[in-house]
Amino acid sequence: MESYMNEAQQKAQVLVEALPYIQKFNRKIIVVKYGGSAMESEELQRSVIQDVTLLKLVGFKPIIVHGGGKEISRWVKKTGKEAQFIGGMRVTDEDTMEIAEMVLGRVSKKLVAMVEALGVKAVSVSGKDGQLLTVKKRLADGQDIGFVGEVTKVNPKILYDLLESDYLPIVAPIGLDEDFLTYNINADEAACSIAKAVGADKLVYLTDIEGLYRDLNDPSTFISRISIEEADEMIASGIVGGGMLPKLANCTDAVRGGVHRVHILDGRVLHSILLEIFTKKGIGTVFYREGDVFME
């Protein structure tokens, strides 16, 4: 009986610690970019969807923007082609674009089913729906890489309407250009653009790393909080490179665009979203504007 009471009190303490955050962010919009290894494991998929569904049930207004790069590459290989990348961007001809749209649509519907199974209403939308995402052709290192788009305009009305009707929107990163041709969009960029357009309080990137380090080879240099001004200095100094560079740019761009906080989390950790948002220390890296005050 004593061990049961101790366990129950620990659970109660967790809820008490979460209460101020639930109160503060009630009715606030949070955009979650879902991709990477967190999409590869059924257990991790359930963990992410449980976290986002819980956010919805306690008063947040979550929006999921998902990727599907590894699955797209698998389907491209099934057609006898090899996935090609230039400057980290997928070369996307007409056939590859057709595969990408099919795969991303399947991912969206699967996520909808998982959310609905937990008792929350969800709707999948493409960036093509309601002209949510308008794009122009993106070049990679000056080269034409096909149907890869750069977001030029966001029409958030469809998302506002879904949120107002108590739905959880799940967005596939596909857009149309001014000639209504279909383009694939980097999911990180799509999430950043959407977060700014809807006035999100938080943008969460689920990644395959714990967060940001000053030195990747030294775990003691982990950064739990960083202002966008400090992040700019890191980018300028060349400390950050490779795949983290565009992600960092999206983080600082989102904060400058009005998003209150941007979080980079390790999507391989079960319930990483809840651990970040509902605990004092969190587990990832949070980006903020200098002078912003944190709850302690």
C-alpha atoms as a PDB file:
ATOM      1  CA  MET A   1       0.000   0.000   0.000  1.00  0.00           C
ATOM      2  CA  GLU A   2       2.850   2.386   0.861  1.00  0.00           C
ATOM      3  CA  SER A   3       4.580   1.834  -2.493  1.00  0.00           C
ATOM      4  CA  TYR A   4       1.278   2.428  -4.292  1.00  0.00           C
ATOM      5  CA  MET A   5       0.762   5.705  -2.404  1.00  0.00           C
ATOM      6  CA  ASN A   6       4.302   6.856  -3.218  1.00  0.00           C
ATOM      7  CA  GLU A   7       3.746   6.107  -6.897  1.00  0.00           C
ATOM      8  CA  ALA A   8       0.367   7.886  -6.863  1.00  0.00           C
ATOM      9  CA  GLN A   9       1.881  10.942  -5.171  1.00  0.00           C
ATOM     10  CA  GLN A  10       4.666  11.073  -7.765  1.00  0.00           C
ATOM     11  CA  LYS A  11       2.056  11.042 -10.541  1.00  0.00           C
ATOM     12  CA  ALA A  12       0.115  13.784  -8.784  1.00  0.00           C
ATOM     13  CA  GLN A  13       3.295  15.870  -8.490  1.00  0.00           C
ATOM     14  CA  VAL A  14       3.882  15.538 -12.229  1.00  0.00           C
ATOM     15  CA  LEU A  15       0.377  16.849 -12.896  1.00  0.00           C
ATOM     16  CA  VAL A  16       0.869  19.735 -10.462  1.00  0.00           C
ATOM     17  CA  GLU A  17       4.160  20.688 -12.167  1.00  0.00           C
ATOM     18  CA  ALA A  18       2.393  20.648 -15.548  1.00  0.00           C
ATOM     19  CA  LEU A  19      -0.532  22.816 -14.387  1.00  0.00           C
ATOM     20  CA  PRO A  20       1.089  26.271 -14.849  1.00  0.00           C
ATOM     21  CA  TYR A  21       2.132  25.331 -18.401  1.00  0.00           C
ATOM     22  CA  ILE A  22      -1.356  24.054 -19.220  1.00  0.00           C
ATOM     23  CA  GLN A  23      -2.812  27.314 -17.931  1.00  0.00           C
ATOM     24  CA  LYS A  24      -0.312  29.486 -19.783  1.00  0.00           C
ATOM     25  CA  PHE A  25      -0.672  27.785 -23.158  1.00  0.00           C
ATOM     26  CA  ASN A  26      -4.400  27.084 -23.073  1.00  0.00           C
ATOM     27  CA  ARG A  27      -5.926  27.870 -26.493  1.00  0.00           C
ATOM     28  CA  LYS A  28      -2.489  28.632 -27.943  1.00  0.00           C
ATOM     29  CA  ILE A  29      -1.434  27.171 -31.297  1.00  0.00           C
ATOM     30  CA  ILE A  30       1.507  24.760 -31.374  1.00  0.00           C
ATOM     31  CA  VAL A  31       2.959  23.464 -34.654  1.00  0.00           C
ATOM     32  CA  VAL A  32       4.757  20.112 -34.489  1.00  0.00           C
ATOM     33  CA  LYS A  33       7.053  19.114 -37.331  1.00  0.00           C
ATOM     34  CA  TYR A  34       7.068  15.320 -37.301  1.00  0.00           C
ATOM     35  CA  GLY A  35       9.702  13.353 -39.204  1.00  0.00           C
ATOM     36  CA  GLY A  36      12.993  11.493 -39.002  1.00  0.00           C
ATOM     37  CA  SER A  37      13.413   8.341 -36.940  1.00  0.00           C
ATOM     38  CA  ALA A  38      10.288   9.141 -34.913  1.00  0.00           C
ATOM     39  CA  MET A  39       8.332   8.031 -37.994  1.00  0.00           C
ATOM     40  CA  GLU A  40      10.214   4.753 -38.424  1.00  0.00           C
ATOM     41  CA  SER A  41       9.182   2.972 -35.228  1.00  0.00           C
ATOM     42  CA  GLU A  42       5.575   2.056 -34.383  1.00  0.00           C
ATOM     43  CA  GLU A  43       6.306   2.680 -30.707  1.00  0.00           C
ATOM     44  CA  LEU A  44       7.676   6.154 -31.391  1.00  0.00           C
ATOM     45  CA  GLN A  45       4.763   6.936 -33.703  1.00  0.00           C
ATOM     46  CA  ARG A  46       2.310   6.084 -30.947  1.00  0.00           C
ATOM     47  CA  SER A  47       4.315   8.164 -28.455  1.00  0.00           C
ATOM     48  CA  VAL A  48       4.271  11.268 -30.677  1.00  0.00           C
ATOM     49  CA  ILE A  49       0.570  10.959 -31.506  1.00  0.00           C
ATOM     50  CA  GLN A  50      -0.296  10.373 -27.847  1.00  0.00           C
ATOM     51  CA  ASP A  51       1.656  13.517 -26.896  1.00  0.00           C
ATOM     52  CA  VAL A  52      -0.003  15.700 -29.535  1.00  0.00           C
ATOM     53  CA  THR A  53      -3.450  14.300 -28.741  1.00  0.00           C
ATOM     54  CA  LEU A  54      -2.920  15.017 -25.049  1.00  0.00           C
ATOM     55  CA  LEU A  55      -1.935  18.597 -25.903  1.00  0.00           C
ATOM     56  CA  LYS A  56      -5.225  18.916 -27.775  1.00  0.00           C
ATOM     57  CA  LEU A  57      -7.237  17.483 -24.893  1.00  0.00           C
ATOM     58  CA  VAL A  58      -5.719  19.849 -22.303  1.00  0.00           C
ATOM     59  CA  GLY A  59      -6.503  22.955 -24.347  1.00  0.00           C
ATOM     60  CA  PHE A  60      -3.690  23.464 -26.866  1.00  0.00           C
ATOM     61  CA  LYS A  61      -4.439  23.876 -30.580  1.00  0.00           C
ATOM     62  CA  PRO A  62      -1.884  21.590 -32.235  1.00  0.00           C
ATOM     63  CA  ILE A  63      -1.094  21.329 -35.950  1.00  0.00           C
ATOM     64  CA  ILE A  64       1.102  18.501 -37.263  1.00  0.00           C
ATOM     65  CA  VAL A  65       3.300  19.070 -40.328  1.00  0.00           C
ATOM     66  CA  HIS A  66       4.941  15.792 -41.339  1.00  0.00           C
ATOM     67  CA  GLY A  67       7.708  14.612 -43.591  1.00  0.00           C
ATOM     68  CA  GLY A  68       8.234  11.237 -45.215  1.00  0.00           C
ATOM     69  CA  GLY A  69      11.629  11.389 -46.865  1.00  0.00           C
ATOM     70  CA  LYS A  70      12.842   7.888 -46.037  1.00  0.00           C
ATOM     71  CA  GLU A  71       9.565   6.330 -47.150  1.00  0.00           C
ATOM     72  CA  ILE A  72       9.659   8.323 -50.399  1.00  0.00           C
ATOM     73  CA  SER A  73      13.193   7.054 -51.050  1.00  0.00           C
ATOM     74  CA  ARG A  74      12.032   3.458 -50.490  1.00  0.00           C
ATOM     75  CA  TRP A  75       9.205   3.833 -53.013  1.00  0.00           C
ATOM     76  CA  VAL A  76      11.488   5.526 -55.543  1.00  0.00           C
ATOM     77  CA  LYS A  77      13.844   2.544 -55.247  1.00  0.00           C
ATOM     78  CA  LYS A  78      10.930   0.142 -55.876  1.00  0.00           C
ATOM     79  CA  THR A  79      10.456   1.789 -59.285  1.00  0.00           C
ATOM     80  CA  GLY A  80      14.073   0.988 -60.140  1.00  0.00           C
ATOM     81  CA  LYS A  81      15.409   4.508 -59.571  1.00  0.00           C
ATOM     82  CA  GLU A  82      17.933   5.760 -57.062  1.00  0.00           C
ATOM     83  CA  ALA A  83      17.125   8.785 -54.912  1.00  0.00           C
ATOM     84  CA  GLN A  84      19.332  11.741 -55.854  1.00  0.00           C
ATOM     85  CA  PHE A  85      20.177  14.713 -53.672  1.00  0.00           C
ATOM     86  CA  ILE A  86      21.920  17.989 -54.488  1.00  0.00           C
ATOM     87  CA  GLY A  87      22.776  20.352 -51.647  1.00  0.00           C
ATOM     88  CA  GLY A  88      20.710  18.185 -49.325  1.00  0.00           C
ATOM     89  CA  MET A  89      17.592  18.571 -51.524  1.00  0.00           C
ATOM     90  CA  ARG A  90      15.872  15.679 -53.295  1.00  0.00           C
ATOM     91  CA  VAL A  91      15.982  15.834 -57.105  1.00  0.00           C
ATOM     92  CA  THR A  92      12.286  15.569 -57.953  1.00  0.00           C
ATOM     93  CA  ASP A  93      11.228  14.814 -61.518  1.00  0.00           C
ATOM     94  CA  GLU A  94       7.567  14.237 -62.465  1.00  0.00           C
ATOM     95  CA  ASP A  95       7.631  10.544 -61.519  1.00  0.00           C
ATOM     96  CA  THR A  96       9.296  11.234 -58.173  1.00  0.00           C
ATOM     97  CA  MET A  97       6.798  14.028 -57.461  1.00  0.00           C
ATOM     98  CA  GLU A  98       3.953  11.601 -58.092  1.00  0.00           C
ATOM     99  CA  ILE A  99       5.518   9.093 -55.677  1.00  0.00           C
ATOM    100  CA  ALA A 100       6.138  11.797 -53.054  1.00  0.00           C
ATOM    101  CA  GLU A 101       2.527  12.965 -53.182  1.00  0.00           C
ATOM    102  CA  MET A 102       1.260   9.396 -52.871  1.00  0.00           C
ATOM    103  CA  VAL A 103       3.542   8.581 -49.924  1.00  0.00           C
ATOM    104  CA  LEU A 104       2.838  11.814 -48.065  1.00  0.00           C
ATOM    105  CA  GLY A 105      -0.884  11.275 -48.552  1.00  0.00           C
ATOM    106  CA  ARG A 106      -0.622   7.768 -47.093  1.00  0.00           C
ATOM    107  CA  VAL A 107       1.367   9.082 -44.114  1.00  0.00           C
ATOM    108  CA  SER A 108      -1.257  11.772 -43.475  1.00  0.00           C
ATOM    109  CA  LYS A 109      -4.125   9.279 -43.488  1.00  0.00           C
ATOM    110  CA  LYS A 110      -2.265   6.927 -41.149  1.00  0.00           C
ATOM    111  CA  LEU A 111      -1.665   9.748 -38.670  1.00  0.00           C
ATOM    112  CA  VAL A 112      -5.325  10.767 -38.896  1.00  0.00           C
ATOM    113  CA  ALA A 113      -6.375   7.211 -38.029  1.00  0.00           C
ATOM    114  CA  MET A 114      -4.006   7.133 -35.033  1.00  0.00           C
ATOM    115  CA  VAL A 115      -5.365  10.442 -33.695  1.00  0.00           C
ATOM    116  CA  GLU A 116      -8.986   9.440 -34.275  1.00  0.00           C
ATOM    117  CA  ALA A 117      -8.374   6.160 -32.411  1.00  0.00           C
ATOM    118  CA  LEU A 118      -7.526   8.258 -29.330  1.00  0.00           C
ATOM    119  CA  GLY A 119     -10.844  10.087 -29.476  1.00  0.00           C
ATOM    120  CA  VAL A 120      -9.776  13.333 -31.149  1.00  0.00           C
ATOM    121  CA  LYS A 121     -11.071  14.542 -34.526  1.00  0.00           C
ATOM    122  CA  ALA A 122      -8.352  14.998 -37.167  1.00  0.00           C
ATOM    123  CA  VAL A 123      -8.258  16.045 -40.822  1.00  0.00           C
ATOM    124  CA  SER A 124      -5.406  15.630 -43.290  1.00  0.00           C
ATOM    125  CA  VAL A 125      -4.733  18.465 -45.722  1.00  0.00           C
ATOM    126  CA  SER A 126      -2.146  19.034 -48.387  1.00  0.00           C
ATOM    127  CA  GLY A 127      -0.529  22.393 -48.923  1.00  0.00           C
ATOM    128  CA  LYS A 128      -2.477  22.348 -52.208  1.00  0.00           C
ATOM    129  CA  ASP A 129      -5.830  22.429 -50.394  1.00  0.00           C
ATOM    130  CA  GLY A 130      -7.312  25.911 -50.210  1.00  0.00           C
ATOM    131  CA  GLN A 131      -3.992  27.146 -51.628  1.00  0.00           C
ATOM    132  CA  LEU A 132      -2.539  26.711 -48.170  1.00  0.00           C
ATOM    133  CA  LEU A 133       1.040  26.775 -49.489  1.00  0.00           C
ATOM    134  CA  THR A 134       2.060  28.709 -52.598  1.00  0.00           C
ATOM    135  CA  VAL A 135       5.595  28.094 -53.821  1.00  0.00           C
ATOM    136  CA  LYS A 136       8.176  28.998 -56.415  1.00  0.00           C
ATOM    137  CA  LYS A 137      10.817  26.692 -57.851  1.00  0.00           C
ATOM    138  CA  ARG A 138      13.782  26.200 -55.519  1.00  0.00           C
ATOM    139  CA  LEU A 139      17.310  25.793 -56.860  1.00  0.00           C
ATOM    140  CA  ALA A 140      20.028  23.802 -55.081  1.00  0.00           C
ATOM    141  CA  ASP A 141      23.527  25.195 -55.421  1.00  0.00           C
ATOM    142  CA  GLY A 142      22.270  27.021 -58.513  1.00  0.00           C
ATOM    143  CA  GLN A 143      20.978  23.828 -60.118  1.00  0.00           C
ATOM    144  CA  ASP A 144      17.436  22.996 -61.220  1.00  0.00           C
ATOM    145  CA  ILE A 145      16.313  20.019 -59.117  1.00  0.00           C
ATOM    146  CA  GLY A 146      12.830  19.696 -60.551  1.00  0.00           C
ATOM    147  CA  PHE A 147       9.608  20.024 -58.600  1.00  0.00           C
ATOM    148  CA  VAL A 148      11.022  21.263 -55.308  1.00  0.00           C
ATOM    149  CA  GLY A 149       9.312  24.360 -53.988  1.00  0.00           C
ATOM    150  CA  GLU A 150      10.179  27.306 -51.772  1.00  0.00           C
ATOM    151  CA  VAL A 151       7.208  28.700 -49.837  1.00  0.00           C
ATOM    152  CA  THR A 152       6.277  32.219 -50.947  1.00  0.00           C
ATOM    153  CA  LYS A 153       2.806  32.543 -49.407  1.00  0.00           C
ATOM    154  CA  VAL A 154       0.670  30.842 -46.771  1.00  0.00           C
ATOM    155  CA  ASN A 155      -3.127  31.057 -46.644  1.00  0.00           C
ATOM    156  CA  PRO A 156      -3.918  29.861 -43.113  1.00  0.00           C
ATOM    157  CA  LYS A 157      -7.714  30.174 -43.351  1.00  0.00           C
ATOM    158  CA  ILE A 158      -8.257  26.442 -43.834  1.00  0.00           C
ATOM    159  CA  LEU A 159      -6.199  25.745 -40.691  1.00  0.00           C
ATOM    160  CA  TYR A 160      -8.045  28.376 -38.652  1.00  0.00           C
ATOM    161  CA  ASP A 161     -11.361  26.900 -39.790  1.00  0.00           C
ATOM    162  CA  LEU A 162     -10.313  23.382 -38.779  1.00  0.00           C
ATOM    163  CA  LEU A 163      -9.001  24.519 -35.395  1.00  0.00           C
ATOM    164  CA  GLU A 164     -12.173  26.512 -34.762  1.00  0.00           C
ATOM    165  CA  SER A 165     -14.210  23.391 -35.558  1.00  0.00           C
ATOM    166  CA  ASP A 166     -12.162  21.438 -33.000  1.00  0.00           C
ATOM    167  CA  TYR A 167     -10.174  19.386 -35.527  1.00  0.00           C
ATOM    168  CA  LEU A 168      -6.471  18.579 -35.359  1.00  0.00           C
ATOM    169  CA  PRO A 169      -5.000  19.472 -38.796  1.00  0.00           C
ATOM    170  CA  ILE A 170      -2.330  17.179 -40.254  1.00  0.00           C
ATOM    171  CA  VAL A 171      -0.459  18.831 -43.130  1.00  0.00           C
ATOM    172  CA  ALA A 172       1.488  17.193 -45.968  1.00  0.00           C
ATOM    173  CA  PRO A 173       4.246  19.515 -47.270  1.00  0.00           C
ATOM    174  CA  ILE A 174       3.158  19.861 -50.895  1.00  0.00           C
ATOM    175  CA  GLY A 175       2.321  23.137 -52.611  1.00  0.00           C
ATOM    176  CA  LEU A 176       1.274  24.761 -55.857  1.00  0.00           C
ATOM    177  CA  ASP A 177       3.088  27.412 -57.841  1.00  0.00           C
ATOM    178  CA  GLU A 178       1.330  30.279 -59.649  1.00  0.00           C
ATOM    179  CA  ASP A 179       0.731  27.985 -62.647  1.00  0.00           C
ATOM    180  CA  PHE A 180      -0.848  25.401 -60.300  1.00  0.00           C
ATOM    181  CA  LEU A 181       1.955  22.875 -60.787  1.00  0.00           C
ATOM    182  CA  THR A 182       2.632  20.579 -57.823  1.00  0.00           C
ATOM    183  CA  TYR A 183       5.868  20.866 -55.821  1.00  0.00           C
ATOM    184  CA  ASN A 184       7.424  18.975 -52.937  1.00  0.00           C
ATOM    185  CA  ILE A 185       8.440  21.189 -49.984  1.00  0.00           C
ATOM    186  CA  ASN A 186      11.011  20.622 -47.266  1.00  0.00           C
ATOM    187  CA  ALA A 187       8.900  19.779 -44.206  1.00  0.00           C
ATOM    188  CA  ASP A 188      11.025  21.930 -41.864  1.00  0.00           C
ATOM    189  CA  GLU A 189      10.460  24.962 -44.091  1.00  0.00           C
ATOM    190  CA  ALA A 190       6.738  24.205 -44.438  1.00  0.00           C
ATOM    191  CA  ALA A 191       6.355  23.966 -40.661  1.00  0.00           C
ATOM    192  CA  CYS A 192       8.223  27.257 -40.149  1.00  0.00           C
ATOM    193  CA  SER A 193       6.097  29.065 -42.739  1.00  0.00           C
ATOM    194  CA  ILE A 194       2.848  27.706 -41.297  1.00  0.00           C
ATOM    195  CA  ALA A 195       3.849  28.511 -37.704  1.00  0.00           C
ATOM    196  CA  LYS A 196       4.510  32.141 -38.640  1.00  0.00           C
ATOM    197  CA  ALA A 197       1.314  32.456 -40.658  1.00  0.00           C
ATOM    198  CA  VAL A 198      -0.997  31.095 -37.935  1.00  0.00           C
ATOM    199  CA  GLY A 199       0.726  33.035 -35.142  1.00  0.00           C
ATOM    200  CA  ALA A 200       1.816  29.877 -33.331  1.00  0.00           C
ATOM    201  CA  ASP A 201       3.014  30.232 -29.765  1.00  0.00           C
ATOM    202  CA  LYS A 202       5.349  27.259 -30.213  1.00  0.00           C
ATOM    203  CA  LEU A 203       7.022  25.404 -33.067  1.00  0.00           C
ATOM    204  CA  VAL A 204       8.467  21.990 -32.222  1.00  0.00           C
ATOM    205  CA  TYR A 205      10.955  20.176 -34.479  1.00  0.00           C
ATOM    206  CA  LEU A 206      11.280  16.444 -33.784  1.00  0.00           C
ATOM    207  CA  THR A 207      14.752  15.454 -34.980  1.00  0.00           C
ATOM    208  CA  ASP A 208      17.323  12.664 -34.708  1.00  0.00           C
ATOM    209  CA  ILE A 209      19.536  14.623 -32.307  1.00  0.00           C
ATOM    210  CA  GLU A 210      19.118  15.713 -28.691  1.00  0.00           C
ATOM    211  CA  GLY A 211      19.318  19.403 -29.567  1.00  0.00           C
ATOM    212  CA  LEU A 212      22.058  21.947 -30.165  1.00  0.00           C
ATOM    213  CA  TYR A 213      25.691  21.592 -29.016  1.00  0.00           C
ATOM    214  CA  ARG A 214      28.517  24.098 -29.133  1.00  0.00           C
ATOM    215  CA  ASP A 215      30.773  21.113 -29.786  1.00  0.00           C
ATOM    216  CA  LEU A 216      29.152  17.910 -31.077  1.00  0.00           C
ATOM    217  CA  ASN A 217      32.011  15.866 -29.607  1.00  0.00           C
ATOM    218  CA  ASP A 218      31.527  17.276 -26.098  1.00  0.00           C
ATOM    219  CA  PRO A 219      28.221  16.377 -24.369  1.00  0.00           C
ATOM    220  CA  SER A 220      28.876  19.025 -21.703  1.00  0.00           C
ATOM    221  CA  THR A 221      28.374  21.762 -24.347  1.00  0.00           C
ATOM    222  CA  PHE A 222      24.674  20.976 -24.808  1.00  0.00           C
ATOM    223  CA  ILE A 223      22.568  24.153 -25.086  1.00  0.00           C
ATOM    224  CA  SER A 224      19.155  24.016 -23.456  1.00  0.00           C
ATOM    225  CA  ARG A 225      18.257  27.666 -24.177  1.00  0.00           C
ATOM    226  CA  ILE A 226      19.613  29.997 -26.810  1.00  0.00           C
ATOM    227  CA  SER A 227      18.487  33.415 -28.040  1.00  0.00           C
ATOM    228  CA  ILE A 228      18.182  33.878 -31.774  1.00  0.00           C
ATOM    229  CA  GLU A 229      20.850  36.571 -31.477  1.00  0.00           C
ATOM    230  CA  GLU A 230      23.271  33.983 -30.032  1.00  0.00           C
ATOM    231  CA  ALA A 231      22.217  31.481 -32.706  1.00  0.00           C
ATOM    232  CA  ASP A 232      23.044  34.032 -35.414  1.00  0.00           C
ATOM    233  CA  GLU A 233      26.524  34.403 -33.905  1.00  0.00           C
ATOM    234  CA  MET A 234      27.000  30.617 -33.959  1.00  0.00           C
ATOM    235  CA  ILE A 235      25.965  30.464 -37.613  1.00  0.00           C
ATOM    236  CA  ALA A 236      28.273  33.370 -38.542  1.00  0.00           C
ATOM    237  CA  SER A 237      31.219  31.816 -36.694  1.00  0.00           C
ATOM    238  CA  GLY A 238      30.895  28.547 -38.614  1.00  0.00           C
ATOM    239  CA  ILE A 239      30.405  26.445 -35.458  1.00  0.00           C
ATOM    240  CA  VAL A 240      27.216  24.981 -36.908  1.00  0.00           C
ATOM    241  CA  GLY A 241      27.274  23.276 -40.277  1.00  0.00           C
ATOM    242  CA  GLY A 242      25.835  20.457 -42.335  1.00  0.00           C
ATOM    243  CA  GLY A 243      22.211  19.509 -41.888  1.00  0.00           C
ATOM    244  CA  MET A 244      21.817  21.625 -38.748  1.00  0.00           C
ATOM    245  CA  LEU A 245      22.425  24.878 -40.611  1.00  0.00           C
ATOM    246  CA  PRO A 246      19.077  25.072 -42.474  1.00  0.00           C
ATOM    247  CA  LYS A 247      17.226  23.832 -39.388  1.00  0.00           C
ATOM    248  CA  LEU A 248      18.843  26.556 -37.287  1.00  0.00           C
ATOM    249  CA  ALA A 249      17.913  29.128 -39.924  1.00  0.00           C
ATOM    250  CA  ASN A 250      14.276  27.962 -39.770  1.00  0.00           C
ATOM    251  CA  CYS A 251      14.315  28.266 -35.961  1.00  0.00           C
ATOM    252  CA  THR A 252      15.585  31.851 -35.969  1.00  0.00           C
ATOM    253  CA  ASP A 253      13.316  32.776 -38.886  1.00  0.00           C
ATOM    254  CA  ALA A 254      10.264  31.480 -37.005  1.00  0.00           C
ATOM    255  CA  VAL A 255      11.051  33.486 -33.857  1.00  0.00           C
ATOM    256  CA  ARG A 256      11.639  36.622 -35.931  1.00  0.00           C
ATOM    257  CA  GLY A 257       8.337  35.907 -37.643  1.00  0.00           C
ATOM    258  CA  GLY A 258       6.441  36.074 -34.361  1.00  0.00           C
ATOM    259  CA  VAL A 259       6.590  32.510 -33.020  1.00  0.00           C
ATOM    260  CA  HIS A 260       7.162  32.814 -29.272  1.00  0.00           C
ATOM    261  CA  ARG A 261       9.404  29.765 -28.807  1.00  0.00           C
ATOM    262  CA  VAL A 262      10.948  27.156 -31.114  1.00  0.00           C
ATOM    263  CA  HIS A 263      12.065  23.794 -29.744  1.00  0.00           C
ATOM    264  CA  ILE A 264      14.421  21.181 -31.205  1.00  0.00           C
ATOM    265  CA  LEU A 265      13.759  17.778 -29.610  1.00  0.00           C
ATOM    266  CA  ASP A 266      15.033  14.241 -29.977  1.00  0.00           C
ATOM    267  CA  GLY A 267      12.095  12.433 -31.553  1.00  0.00           C
ATOM    268  CA  ARG A 268      13.683   9.093 -30.614  1.00  0.00           C
ATOM    269  CA  VAL A 269      12.860   9.730 -26.944  1.00  0.00           C
ATOM    270  CA  LEU A 270       9.443   8.493 -25.885  1.00  0.00           C
ATOM    271  CA  HIS A 271       7.068  11.365 -25.009  1.00  0.00           C
ATOM    272  CA  SER A 272       9.742  13.965 -25.741  1.00  0.00           C
ATOM    273  CA  ILE A 273       7.093  16.633 -26.469  1.00  0.00           C
ATOM    274  CA  LEU A 274       5.483  16.283 -23.041  1.00  0.00           C
ATOM    275  CA  LEU A 275       8.875  16.201 -21.319  1.00  0.00           C
ATOM    276  CA  GLU A 276       9.867  19.436 -23.052  1.00  0.00           C
ATOM    277  CA  ILE A 277       6.677  21.426 -22.623  1.00  0.00           C
ATOM    278  CA  PHE A 278       5.418  20.300 -19.213  1.00  0.00           C
ATOM    279  CA  THR A 279       8.648  20.191 -17.196  1.00  0.00           C
ATOM    280  CA  LYS A 280      10.780  23.039 -15.878  1.00  0.00           C
ATOM    281  CA  LYS A 281      14.078  21.984 -17.452  1.00  0.00           C
ATOM    282  CA  GLY A 282      12.824  20.273 -20.602  1.00  0.00           C
ATOM    283  CA  ILE A 283      15.020  17.932 -22.635  1.00  0.00           C
ATOM    284  CA  GLY A 284      15.801  19.799 -25.854  1.00  0.00           C
ATOM    285  CA  THR A 285      16.990  23.178 -27.098  1.00  0.00           C
ATOM    286  CA  VAL A 286      14.613  26.144 -27.048  1.00  0.00           C
ATOM    287  CA  PHE A 287      15.109  29.262 -29.203  1.00  0.00           C
ATOM    288  CA  TYR A 288      13.756  32.577 -27.982  1.00  0.00           C
ATOM    289  CA  ARG A 289      14.083  36.304 -28.475  1.00  0.00           C
ATOM    290  CA  GLU A 290      16.578  38.078 -26.193  1.00  0.00           C
ATOM    291  CA  GLY A 291      14.863  39.516 -23.127  1.00  0.00           C
ATOM    292  CA  ASP A 292      12.128  36.871 -23.108  1.00  0.00           C
ATOM    293  CA  VAL A 293      11.240  35.665 -19.602  1.00  0.00           C
ATOM    294  CA  PHE A 294      10.965  31.952 -18.782  1.00  0.00           C
ATOM    295  CA  MET A 295       8.688  30.301 -16.226  1.00  0.00           C
ATOM    296  CA  GLU A 296      10.853  28.871 -13.429  1.00  0.00           C
END
